[in-house]
Amino acid sequence: MFKISLAKRVLSFFPSLKTELRIAKLPYTPAAFVSKSLKTAVIYSLLTSVLSFFVLQRMKLSLFLMAPVFFVLFILFFEYSMIGVKARVRKREIDIDKEVLFIGRYLLVKLYSGRPLLNALMETSESRGITSKYIKEITDDISTGSTIEDALKNAMLYSPSEKLKKIMFHINNALQLGIDVTKPLESVLEEIAKEEELEIKKYGKKLNSLVIFYMLAAVIIPSLGTAIFIVISSLLSFPIGLSGLLVFAFFIGVLQFVFISMFKIIRPKVSL
C-alpha cells in the first residue's frame, strides 16, 4: 500500500508520462512504470553503495558518507530510468522520420491509382519499416470500429514524429472538408521534402567545419605533438615509459570516440 502511494506521489511530478509511455509503446501504466523505476533505482543504489563502502574504508573516510552517496545514486538511477522513456520516444521519432517521405509517397501512388483511402492505408501498412507498422495501428483502430477521422486524430495525438503528424493532419483535414485527399497530401510531401533538403544542406555545412576541427584536434596535433615530444624527450634524456604511451593512446581513443559521436548526433533524420 505504501509502495503504491509513493508511486502515485512521484507520478504527480511527471504529468506527461502517460502519453510518453503510449508513444514509446511501453506496456506499463504510469503508476506501474514509476513503481518499477523506484524498485530498480533502490536495487542499483544499494549495490553501488556496497562498492562505495569499500572505497570509503580504504580511503579512511567516515562511513556515514554512505547515506548521501546512496541518496545521490538513487536519484541518478531513477532519473535515468525516466529519461529512458524520452530516449525511446526520440528513437522512434528518428526511425519514422527516416521513412516518412517514402511511406507518404507510397500512399500517394496508391491514391492516384484509384484506391479508396482505407484500402490505400491498409496496403501501405503491409509494406516494410517502422512507419508502416504505425500506419497499421491506424487501420487496426478503424477495424475495431473507429471512424477514419477518429483514427487519424488518435494517430496525430500519439505520433512521435512531427512530420507524420503533418501528413495525418492534412489527410484528416481533407476528409473533414470533403475534398480530394491527393492534393493536400502531395503538397505536404513536397513541404517535407524541402525541409529534408534544407536539413541535408545544413548538415553539409556543419560537417565541413567539424571535419576541419577533427583533422586539427584528433589527427594533426596528436601526431605532430607526439613526434615533437619524443624528439624533446630524447634530447633532454627524459625517458618515456610504456604506461605513459598507453595513457596518451587512451586519451586519443577517447577523443576519436567523441568526434564519432558528434558526427552521429548532427546527422539529419533523413535517409541520405
Protein backbone atom coordinates (compact mmCIF):
# COMPACT_ATOMS: atom_id res chain seq x y z
CA MET A 1 0.00 0.00 0.00
CA PHE A 2 2.86 2.36 0.89
CA LYS A 3 4.60 1.45 -2.38
CA ILE A 4 1.51 2.34 -4.44
CA SER A 5 1.02 5.60 -2.51
CA LEU A 6 4.67 6.58 -3.04
CA ALA A 7 4.45 5.79 -6.77
CA LYS A 8 1.36 8.00 -7.11
CA ARG A 9 3.07 10.87 -5.30
CA VAL A 10 6.13 10.62 -7.54
CA LEU A 11 3.87 10.34 -10.58
CA SER A 12 2.49 13.82 -9.88
CA PHE A 13 5.89 15.23 -10.90
CA PHE A 14 5.58 13.58 -14.35
CA PRO A 15 2.18 14.63 -15.76
CA SER A 16 3.10 13.72 -19.35
CA LEU A 17 4.33 10.21 -18.51
CA LYS A 18 1.09 8.50 -19.59
CA THR A 19 1.31 10.00 -23.09
CA GLU A 20 5.05 9.33 -23.35
CA LEU A 21 4.61 5.67 -22.39
CA ARG A 22 1.98 5.22 -25.07
CA ILE A 23 4.11 6.97 -27.69
CA ALA A 24 7.12 4.86 -26.67
CA LYS A 25 4.98 1.68 -26.89
CA LEU A 26 5.92 0.56 -23.38
CA PRO A 27 3.37 -1.86 -21.86
CA TYR A 28 3.11 -0.14 -18.47
CA THR A 29 0.64 2.07 -16.69
CA PRO A 30 2.26 5.26 -15.34
CA ALA A 31 1.97 4.03 -11.72
CA ALA A 32 3.44 0.62 -12.61
CA PHE A 33 6.34 2.18 -14.51
CA VAL A 34 7.16 4.60 -11.66
CA SER A 35 6.97 1.73 -9.16
CA LYS A 36 9.29 -0.38 -11.34
CA SER A 37 11.72 2.53 -11.72
CA LEU A 38 11.78 3.14 -7.95
CA LYS A 39 12.45 -0.54 -7.27
CA THR A 40 15.24 -0.69 -9.86
CA ALA A 41 16.81 2.53 -8.54
CA VAL A 42 16.83 1.15 -4.97
CA ILE A 43 18.48 -2.13 -6.05
CA TYR A 44 21.19 -0.48 -8.15
CA SER A 45 21.81 2.16 -5.49
CA LEU A 46 22.29 -0.50 -2.81
CA LEU A 47 24.69 -2.47 -4.99
CA THR A 48 26.70 0.64 -5.83
CA SER A 49 26.68 1.75 -2.18
CA VAL A 50 28.24 -1.57 -1.19
CA LEU A 51 31.13 -0.78 -3.51
CA SER A 52 31.39 2.72 -2.04
CA PHE A 53 31.69 1.12 1.43
CA PHE A 54 35.00 -0.49 0.45
CA VAL A 55 36.19 2.73 -1.22
CA LEU A 56 35.41 4.81 1.88
CA GLN A 57 37.02 2.23 4.14
CA ARG A 58 40.18 2.17 2.05
CA MET A 59 40.35 5.98 1.97
CA LYS A 60 39.71 6.02 5.75
CA LEU A 61 36.69 8.29 5.41
CA SER A 62 33.56 8.30 7.54
CA LEU A 63 31.09 5.55 6.69
CA PHE A 64 28.27 8.00 7.35
CA LEU A 65 29.02 9.31 3.84
CA MET A 66 27.28 6.19 2.51
CA ALA A 67 23.88 7.79 3.23
CA PRO A 68 24.32 10.81 0.92
CA VAL A 69 26.05 8.55 -1.64
CA PHE A 70 23.02 6.22 -1.63
CA PHE A 71 20.60 9.16 -1.94
CA VAL A 72 22.50 10.71 -4.88
CA LEU A 73 22.80 7.37 -6.65
CA PHE A 74 19.11 6.66 -6.10
CA ILE A 75 18.14 9.99 -7.71
CA LEU A 76 20.52 9.41 -10.63
CA PHE A 77 19.30 5.86 -11.34
CA PHE A 78 15.64 6.90 -11.07
CA GLU A 79 16.13 9.90 -13.38
CA TYR A 80 17.99 7.66 -15.84
CA SER A 81 15.01 5.30 -15.92
CA MET A 82 12.59 8.17 -16.54
CA ILE A 83 14.81 9.71 -19.22
CA GLY A 84 14.86 6.28 -20.87
CA VAL A 85 11.21 6.79 -21.88
CA LYS A 86 12.05 10.06 -23.64
CA ALA A 87 15.04 8.39 -25.30
CA ARG A 88 12.79 5.62 -26.63
CA VAL A 89 10.33 8.21 -27.97
CA ARG A 90 13.21 10.05 -29.62
CA LYS A 91 14.47 6.83 -31.23
CA ARG A 92 11.02 6.08 -32.65
CA GLU A 93 10.84 9.64 -33.97
CA ILE A 94 14.18 9.26 -35.77
CA ASP A 95 13.20 5.86 -37.22
CA ILE A 96 9.86 7.20 -38.51
CA ASP A 97 11.35 10.41 -39.93
CA LYS A 98 13.80 8.36 -41.99
CA GLU A 99 10.92 6.59 -43.75
CA VAL A 100 8.04 9.07 -43.57
CA LEU A 101 8.64 10.60 -47.01
CA PHE A 102 8.81 7.18 -48.69
CA ILE A 103 5.65 5.97 -46.93
CA GLY A 104 3.82 9.21 -47.79
CA ARG A 105 4.72 8.89 -51.47
CA TYR A 106 3.76 5.21 -51.44
CA LEU A 107 0.35 6.17 -50.05
CA LEU A 108 0.02 8.94 -52.66
CA VAL A 109 0.76 6.50 -55.50
CA LYS A 110 -1.95 4.16 -54.20
CA LEU A 111 -4.46 7.03 -54.07
CA TYR A 112 -3.56 8.19 -57.58
CA SER A 113 -4.06 4.62 -58.83
CA GLY A 114 -7.71 4.86 -57.76
CA ARG A 115 -7.60 3.10 -54.40
CA PRO A 116 -10.00 4.35 -51.70
CA LEU A 117 -8.23 5.91 -48.72
CA LEU A 118 -8.90 2.97 -46.41
CA ASN A 119 -7.60 0.44 -48.93
CA ALA A 120 -4.56 2.63 -49.60
CA LEU A 121 -3.82 2.82 -45.87
CA MET A 122 -4.18 -0.96 -45.50
CA GLU A 123 -1.83 -1.64 -48.43
CA THR A 124 0.67 0.90 -47.07
CA SER A 125 0.56 -0.81 -43.67
CA GLU A 126 1.70 -4.06 -45.32
CA SER A 127 4.96 -2.54 -46.58
CA ARG A 128 8.25 -2.71 -44.68
CA GLY A 129 9.62 -0.42 -41.99
CA ILE A 130 8.58 1.02 -38.64
CA THR A 131 6.37 3.68 -40.26
CA SER A 132 4.25 1.03 -41.98
CA LYS A 133 3.68 -0.54 -38.56
CA TYR A 134 2.45 2.82 -37.33
CA ILE A 135 0.03 3.01 -40.28
CA LYS A 136 -1.15 -0.48 -39.36
CA GLU A 137 -2.13 0.82 -35.91
CA ILE A 138 -4.41 3.30 -37.68
CA THR A 139 -6.04 0.58 -39.78
CA ASP A 140 -6.41 -1.58 -36.67
CA ASP A 141 -8.29 1.26 -34.95
CA ILE A 142 -10.59 1.51 -37.95
CA SER A 143 -11.11 -2.27 -37.94
CA THR A 144 -12.22 -2.15 -34.30
CA GLY A 145 -14.99 0.34 -35.09
CA SER A 146 -13.36 3.80 -35.08
CA THR A 147 -14.02 6.17 -37.96
CA ILE A 148 -11.14 7.15 -40.23
CA GLU A 149 -11.23 10.68 -38.80
CA ASP A 150 -11.06 9.46 -35.20
CA ALA A 151 -8.27 7.00 -36.04
CA LEU A 152 -6.25 9.78 -37.69
CA LYS A 153 -6.80 12.11 -34.74
CA ASN A 154 -5.63 9.38 -32.38
CA ALA A 155 -2.58 8.82 -34.60
CA MET A 156 -1.72 12.53 -34.52
CA LEU A 157 -2.01 12.62 -30.74
CA TYR A 158 0.35 9.68 -30.14
CA SER A 159 2.77 10.11 -33.03
CA PRO A 160 6.42 10.69 -32.04
CA SER A 161 7.12 12.26 -35.44
CA GLU A 162 6.06 15.82 -36.30
CA LYS A 163 6.39 15.04 -40.00
CA LEU A 164 3.98 12.12 -39.74
CA LYS A 165 1.61 14.34 -37.76
CA LYS A 166 1.62 16.81 -40.64
CA ILE A 167 0.67 14.10 -43.11
CA MET A 168 -2.14 12.78 -40.90
CA PHE A 169 -3.39 16.32 -40.24
CA HIS A 170 -3.68 17.18 -43.94
CA ILE A 171 -5.39 13.87 -44.73
CA ASN A 172 -7.83 14.31 -41.85
CA ASN A 173 -8.48 17.94 -42.76
CA ALA A 174 -9.24 16.98 -46.37
CA LEU A 175 -11.69 14.32 -45.17
CA GLN A 176 -13.49 16.79 -42.91
CA LEU A 177 -13.75 19.35 -45.73
CA GLY A 178 -14.92 16.67 -48.15
CA ILE A 179 -12.23 17.37 -50.75
CA ASP A 180 -9.81 15.11 -52.62
CA VAL A 181 -7.04 13.83 -50.32
CA THR A 182 -4.35 13.58 -53.00
CA LYS A 183 -3.72 17.33 -53.47
CA PRO A 184 -3.19 18.19 -49.76
CA LEU A 185 -1.08 15.03 -49.36
CA GLU A 186 1.08 15.90 -52.36
CA SER A 187 1.51 19.44 -51.03
CA VAL A 188 2.63 18.37 -47.57
CA LEU A 189 5.02 15.78 -49.03
CA GLU A 190 6.66 18.48 -51.13
CA GLU A 191 6.97 20.62 -48.00
CA ILE A 192 8.58 17.74 -46.07
CA ALA A 193 10.95 17.04 -48.99
CA LYS A 194 12.08 20.70 -48.97
CA GLU A 195 12.59 20.56 -45.20
CA GLU A 196 14.73 17.43 -45.54
CA GLU A 197 16.73 19.01 -48.37
CA LEU A 198 17.38 22.01 -46.12
CA GLU A 199 18.44 19.68 -43.27
CA ILE A 200 20.93 17.95 -45.59
CA LYS A 201 22.42 21.31 -46.67
CA LYS A 202 22.78 22.39 -43.04
CA TYR A 203 24.38 19.03 -42.25
CA GLY A 204 26.89 19.54 -45.06
CA LYS A 205 27.94 22.93 -43.68
CA LYS A 206 28.27 21.58 -40.12
CA LEU A 207 30.17 18.56 -41.41
CA ASN A 208 32.73 20.67 -43.27
CA SER A 209 33.62 22.73 -40.19
CA LEU A 210 33.60 19.65 -37.93
CA VAL A 211 35.91 17.71 -40.27
CA ILE A 212 38.42 20.57 -40.25
CA PHE A 213 38.33 20.70 -36.45
CA TYR A 214 38.66 16.90 -36.33
CA MET A 215 41.72 16.91 -38.57
CA LEU A 216 43.36 19.53 -36.36
CA ALA A 217 42.42 18.23 -32.91
CA ALA A 218 42.41 14.46 -33.49
CA VAL A 219 44.95 13.90 -36.29
CA ILE A 220 47.49 16.67 -36.88
CA ILE A 221 48.05 17.94 -33.32
CA PRO A 222 48.37 14.45 -31.71
CA SER A 223 50.72 13.14 -34.43
CA LEU A 224 52.94 16.25 -34.54
CA GLY A 225 52.76 16.61 -30.75
CA THR A 226 53.89 13.02 -30.24
CA ALA A 227 56.80 13.40 -32.66
CA ILE A 228 57.94 16.69 -31.09
CA PHE A 229 57.58 15.27 -27.58
CA ILE A 230 59.71 12.21 -28.48
CA VAL A 231 62.42 14.40 -30.01
CA ILE A 232 62.50 16.75 -27.00
CA SER A 233 62.48 13.88 -24.51
CA SER A 234 65.43 12.23 -26.30
CA LEU A 235 67.40 15.49 -26.22
CA LEU A 236 66.66 16.03 -22.52
CA SER A 237 67.21 12.34 -21.67
CA PHE A 238 63.67 12.16 -20.36
CA PRO A 239 62.55 8.53 -20.63
CA ILE A 240 59.04 7.72 -21.88
CA GLY A 241 57.65 4.54 -20.35
CA LEU A 242 55.07 2.17 -21.81
CA SER A 243 52.48 3.35 -19.29
CA GLY A 244 52.86 6.95 -20.49
CA LEU A 245 52.35 5.92 -24.12
CA LEU A 246 49.29 3.84 -23.16
CA VAL A 247 47.74 6.80 -21.29
CA PHE A 248 48.36 9.03 -24.30
CA ALA A 249 46.82 6.42 -26.63
CA PHE A 250 43.81 6.15 -24.30
CA PHE A 251 43.12 9.90 -24.49
CA ILE A 252 43.47 9.81 -28.27
CA GLY A 253 40.94 6.96 -28.37
CA VAL A 254 38.51 8.92 -26.19
CA LEU A 255 38.92 11.95 -28.46
CA GLN A 256 38.19 9.82 -31.53
CA PHE A 257 35.07 8.40 -29.84
CA VAL A 258 33.84 11.93 -29.00
CA PHE A 259 34.17 13.02 -32.61
CA ILE A 260 32.42 9.88 -33.93
CA SER A 261 29.55 10.54 -31.51
CA MET A 262 29.34 14.16 -32.67
CA PHE A 263 29.13 13.03 -36.32
CA LYS A 264 26.22 10.74 -35.42
CA ILE A 265 24.41 13.37 -33.34
CA ILE A 266 24.39 16.07 -36.00
CA ARG A 267 23.32 13.65 -38.75
CA PRO A 268 19.88 14.68 -40.08
CA LYS A 269 16.90 12.39 -39.51
CA VAL A 270 16.51 11.59 -43.19
CA SER A 271 17.59 8.74 -45.44
CA LEU A 272 20.66 10.14 -47.16
